[in-house]
Structures are given as structure tokens and as C-alpha cells.
N, C-alpha and C. Protein backbone atom coordinates (compact mmCIF):
# COMPACT_ATOMS: atom_id res chain seq x y z
N MET A 1 105.36 48.77 12.39
CA MET A 1 106.04 50.04 12.25
C MET A 1 107.35 49.82 11.51
N GLU A 2 107.61 50.67 10.51
CA GLU A 2 108.83 50.56 9.73
C GLU A 2 110.02 51.10 10.48
N ASN A 3 111.16 50.54 10.17
CA ASN A 3 112.42 51.01 10.76
C ASN A 3 112.92 52.18 9.92
N ASP A 4 112.93 53.38 10.50
CA ASP A 4 113.39 54.58 9.79
C ASP A 4 114.86 54.86 10.03
N TYR A 5 115.59 53.86 10.47
CA TYR A 5 117.02 54.01 10.76
C TYR A 5 117.80 54.11 9.46
N ARG A 6 118.56 55.19 9.31
CA ARG A 6 119.42 55.37 8.14
C ARG A 6 120.86 55.37 8.60
N LYS A 7 121.72 54.81 7.80
CA LYS A 7 123.13 54.75 8.13
C LYS A 7 123.92 55.46 7.04
N LEU A 8 124.88 56.26 7.45
CA LEU A 8 125.74 56.96 6.50
C LEU A 8 126.78 55.99 5.97
N VAL A 9 126.74 55.77 4.66
CA VAL A 9 127.69 54.88 4.00
C VAL A 9 128.19 55.54 2.72
N ARG A 10 129.36 55.09 2.25
CA ARG A 10 129.87 55.57 0.97
C ARG A 10 129.07 54.90 -0.14
N SER A 11 128.68 55.67 -1.11
CA SER A 11 127.82 55.19 -2.19
C SER A 11 128.62 54.40 -3.22
N ARG A 12 127.98 53.38 -3.78
CA ARG A 12 128.56 52.65 -4.90
C ARG A 12 128.03 53.17 -6.23
N GLN A 13 126.80 53.70 -6.24
CA GLN A 13 126.20 54.18 -7.48
C GLN A 13 126.61 55.62 -7.79
N ASN A 14 126.64 56.50 -6.79
CA ASN A 14 126.98 57.91 -6.97
C ASN A 14 128.43 58.15 -6.58
N ARG A 15 129.33 57.50 -7.26
CA ARG A 15 130.74 57.54 -6.90
C ARG A 15 131.52 58.32 -7.96
N THR A 16 132.35 59.25 -7.49
CA THR A 16 133.28 59.92 -8.38
C THR A 16 134.70 59.52 -8.00
N ILE A 17 135.04 59.64 -6.74
CA ILE A 17 136.36 59.20 -6.26
C ILE A 17 136.17 58.02 -5.31
N CYS A 18 135.69 58.29 -4.13
CA CYS A 18 135.49 57.23 -3.12
C CYS A 18 134.03 57.05 -2.73
N GLY A 19 133.15 57.88 -3.19
CA GLY A 19 131.73 57.75 -2.87
C GLY A 19 131.29 58.49 -1.62
N VAL A 20 132.16 59.31 -1.05
CA VAL A 20 131.83 60.03 0.18
C VAL A 20 130.72 61.05 -0.07
N CYS A 21 130.89 61.89 -1.07
CA CYS A 21 129.88 62.92 -1.35
C CYS A 21 128.57 62.29 -1.82
N GLY A 22 128.66 61.21 -2.59
CA GLY A 22 127.45 60.50 -3.00
C GLY A 22 126.71 59.92 -1.82
N GLY A 23 127.44 59.37 -0.87
CA GLY A 23 126.82 58.82 0.33
C GLY A 23 126.18 59.88 1.20
N ILE A 24 126.85 61.01 1.33
CA ILE A 24 126.29 62.11 2.12
C ILE A 24 125.04 62.66 1.43
N GLY A 25 125.09 62.77 0.10
CA GLY A 25 123.93 63.23 -0.64
C GLY A 25 122.74 62.31 -0.50
N GLU A 26 122.97 61.00 -0.56
CA GLU A 26 121.89 60.03 -0.38
C GLU A 26 121.35 60.08 1.05
N TYR A 27 122.23 60.25 2.02
CA TYR A 27 121.81 60.30 3.42
C TYR A 27 120.93 61.52 3.69
N LEU A 28 121.29 62.65 3.09
CA LEU A 28 120.56 63.90 3.32
C LEU A 28 119.45 64.14 2.30
N ASN A 29 119.27 63.21 1.35
CA ASN A 29 118.29 63.36 0.26
C ASN A 29 118.52 64.63 -0.54
N VAL A 30 119.78 64.86 -0.88
CA VAL A 30 120.21 66.02 -1.67
C VAL A 30 120.99 65.49 -2.86
N ASP A 31 120.96 66.20 -3.97
CA ASP A 31 121.73 65.81 -5.14
C ASP A 31 123.22 65.77 -4.78
N PRO A 32 123.93 64.66 -5.04
CA PRO A 32 125.35 64.57 -4.69
C PRO A 32 126.21 65.64 -5.36
N THR A 33 125.77 66.17 -6.49
CA THR A 33 126.53 67.22 -7.16
C THR A 33 126.60 68.48 -6.29
N VAL A 34 125.53 68.78 -5.59
CA VAL A 34 125.52 69.94 -4.68
C VAL A 34 126.52 69.71 -3.56
N ILE A 35 126.56 68.51 -3.01
CA ILE A 35 127.51 68.19 -1.95
C ILE A 35 128.94 68.30 -2.47
N ARG A 36 129.19 67.83 -3.69
CA ARG A 36 130.53 67.91 -4.27
C ARG A 36 130.97 69.36 -4.46
N ILE A 37 130.07 70.21 -4.94
CA ILE A 37 130.40 71.62 -5.14
C ILE A 37 130.71 72.29 -3.80
N ILE A 38 129.89 72.02 -2.80
CA ILE A 38 130.15 72.59 -1.47
C ILE A 38 131.49 72.11 -0.94
N TRP A 39 131.77 70.82 -1.12
CA TRP A 39 133.03 70.26 -0.62
C TRP A 39 134.24 70.89 -1.31
N VAL A 40 134.17 71.08 -2.63
CA VAL A 40 135.27 71.69 -3.37
C VAL A 40 135.49 73.13 -2.93
N VAL A 41 134.41 73.89 -2.76
CA VAL A 41 134.53 75.28 -2.32
C VAL A 41 135.18 75.33 -0.94
N CYS A 42 134.75 74.46 -0.04
CA CYS A 42 135.34 74.43 1.31
C CYS A 42 136.80 73.99 1.26
N ALA A 43 137.13 73.04 0.39
CA ALA A 43 138.51 72.58 0.28
C ALA A 43 139.42 73.69 -0.24
N LEU A 44 138.93 74.45 -1.21
CA LEU A 44 139.74 75.55 -1.74
C LEU A 44 139.86 76.70 -0.74
N ALA A 45 138.78 76.96 -0.01
CA ALA A 45 138.80 78.05 0.96
C ALA A 45 139.67 77.72 2.17
N SER A 46 139.79 76.43 2.48
CA SER A 46 140.56 76.05 3.68
C SER A 46 141.98 75.62 3.35
N VAL A 47 142.43 75.88 2.14
CA VAL A 47 143.79 75.60 1.69
C VAL A 47 144.17 74.13 1.94
N GLY A 48 143.33 73.22 1.48
CA GLY A 48 143.67 71.80 1.54
C GLY A 48 143.12 71.02 2.71
N THR A 49 142.61 71.69 3.72
CA THR A 49 142.06 70.98 4.87
C THR A 49 140.85 70.15 4.45
N GLY A 50 140.08 70.62 3.49
CA GLY A 50 138.93 69.87 2.99
C GLY A 50 139.35 68.57 2.32
N ALA A 51 140.49 68.57 1.63
CA ALA A 51 141.00 67.35 1.01
C ALA A 51 141.40 66.33 2.06
N VAL A 52 142.01 66.80 3.12
CA VAL A 52 142.38 65.90 4.22
C VAL A 52 141.12 65.35 4.89
N ALA A 53 140.12 66.20 5.07
CA ALA A 53 138.86 65.76 5.67
C ALA A 53 138.18 64.72 4.77
N TYR A 54 138.27 64.89 3.45
CA TYR A 54 137.69 63.91 2.53
C TYR A 54 138.39 62.57 2.68
N LEU A 55 139.70 62.57 2.75
CA LEU A 55 140.45 61.32 2.90
C LEU A 55 140.11 60.62 4.22
N ILE A 56 139.98 61.39 5.28
CA ILE A 56 139.60 60.82 6.58
C ILE A 56 138.19 60.24 6.50
N ALA A 57 137.27 60.96 5.86
CA ALA A 57 135.90 60.46 5.71
C ALA A 57 135.88 59.19 4.87
N ALA A 58 136.72 59.12 3.84
CA ALA A 58 136.78 57.93 3.00
C ALA A 58 137.28 56.72 3.79
N LEU A 59 138.13 56.96 4.76
CA LEU A 59 138.64 55.86 5.60
C LEU A 59 137.65 55.46 6.69
N LEU A 60 136.91 56.42 7.22
CA LEU A 60 136.03 56.15 8.37
C LEU A 60 134.62 55.70 7.99
N ILE A 61 134.08 56.22 6.90
CA ILE A 61 132.70 55.87 6.52
C ILE A 61 132.73 54.53 5.79
N PRO A 62 131.96 53.57 6.25
CA PRO A 62 131.96 52.25 5.61
C PRO A 62 131.31 52.30 4.23
N GLU A 63 131.73 51.37 3.35
CA GLU A 63 131.17 51.30 2.01
C GLU A 63 129.83 50.59 2.03
N GLU A 64 128.95 51.03 1.15
CA GLU A 64 127.61 50.45 1.03
C GLU A 64 127.71 48.99 0.61
N THR A 65 126.92 48.14 1.23
CA THR A 65 126.87 46.73 0.84
C THR A 65 125.65 46.49 -0.02
N CYS A 66 125.82 45.76 -1.10
CA CYS A 66 124.69 45.50 -2.00
C CYS A 66 124.35 44.04 -2.00
């Protein structure tokens, strides 16, 4: 039986700033561009709280090991 365990990590291949949106996109099997657009809309709508959440995610989510 295969191990279907997936771990959320920051992406090295789909990286624009820190790889958070790329990692979330890979984890959810969604195009990272969609995640980036959603994140930007939420950041603008929340008057900067999304940017703080991105920085916290960049610190807490481990980077992908290759």
C-alpha cells in the first residue's frame, strides 16, 4: 500500500516571493496562479492583514527539500 501522506511545504519550483502560494497550490493540486490571485484579493480586502498572514506562513511552513 502506498503512503498517501502529503506535507504542506513552500515550493522551490513555483516560487515568486517565498514559495507559499506555490506550495499551497501543489498541496491542493490547483494552479499556483489561482492561489496568488485569491491571496492578493484577500490581502487588499483586509487592508494588509493578508500580507501579515503571508509573512507568518513564510516563517512557519518549512521549505521543500530536494
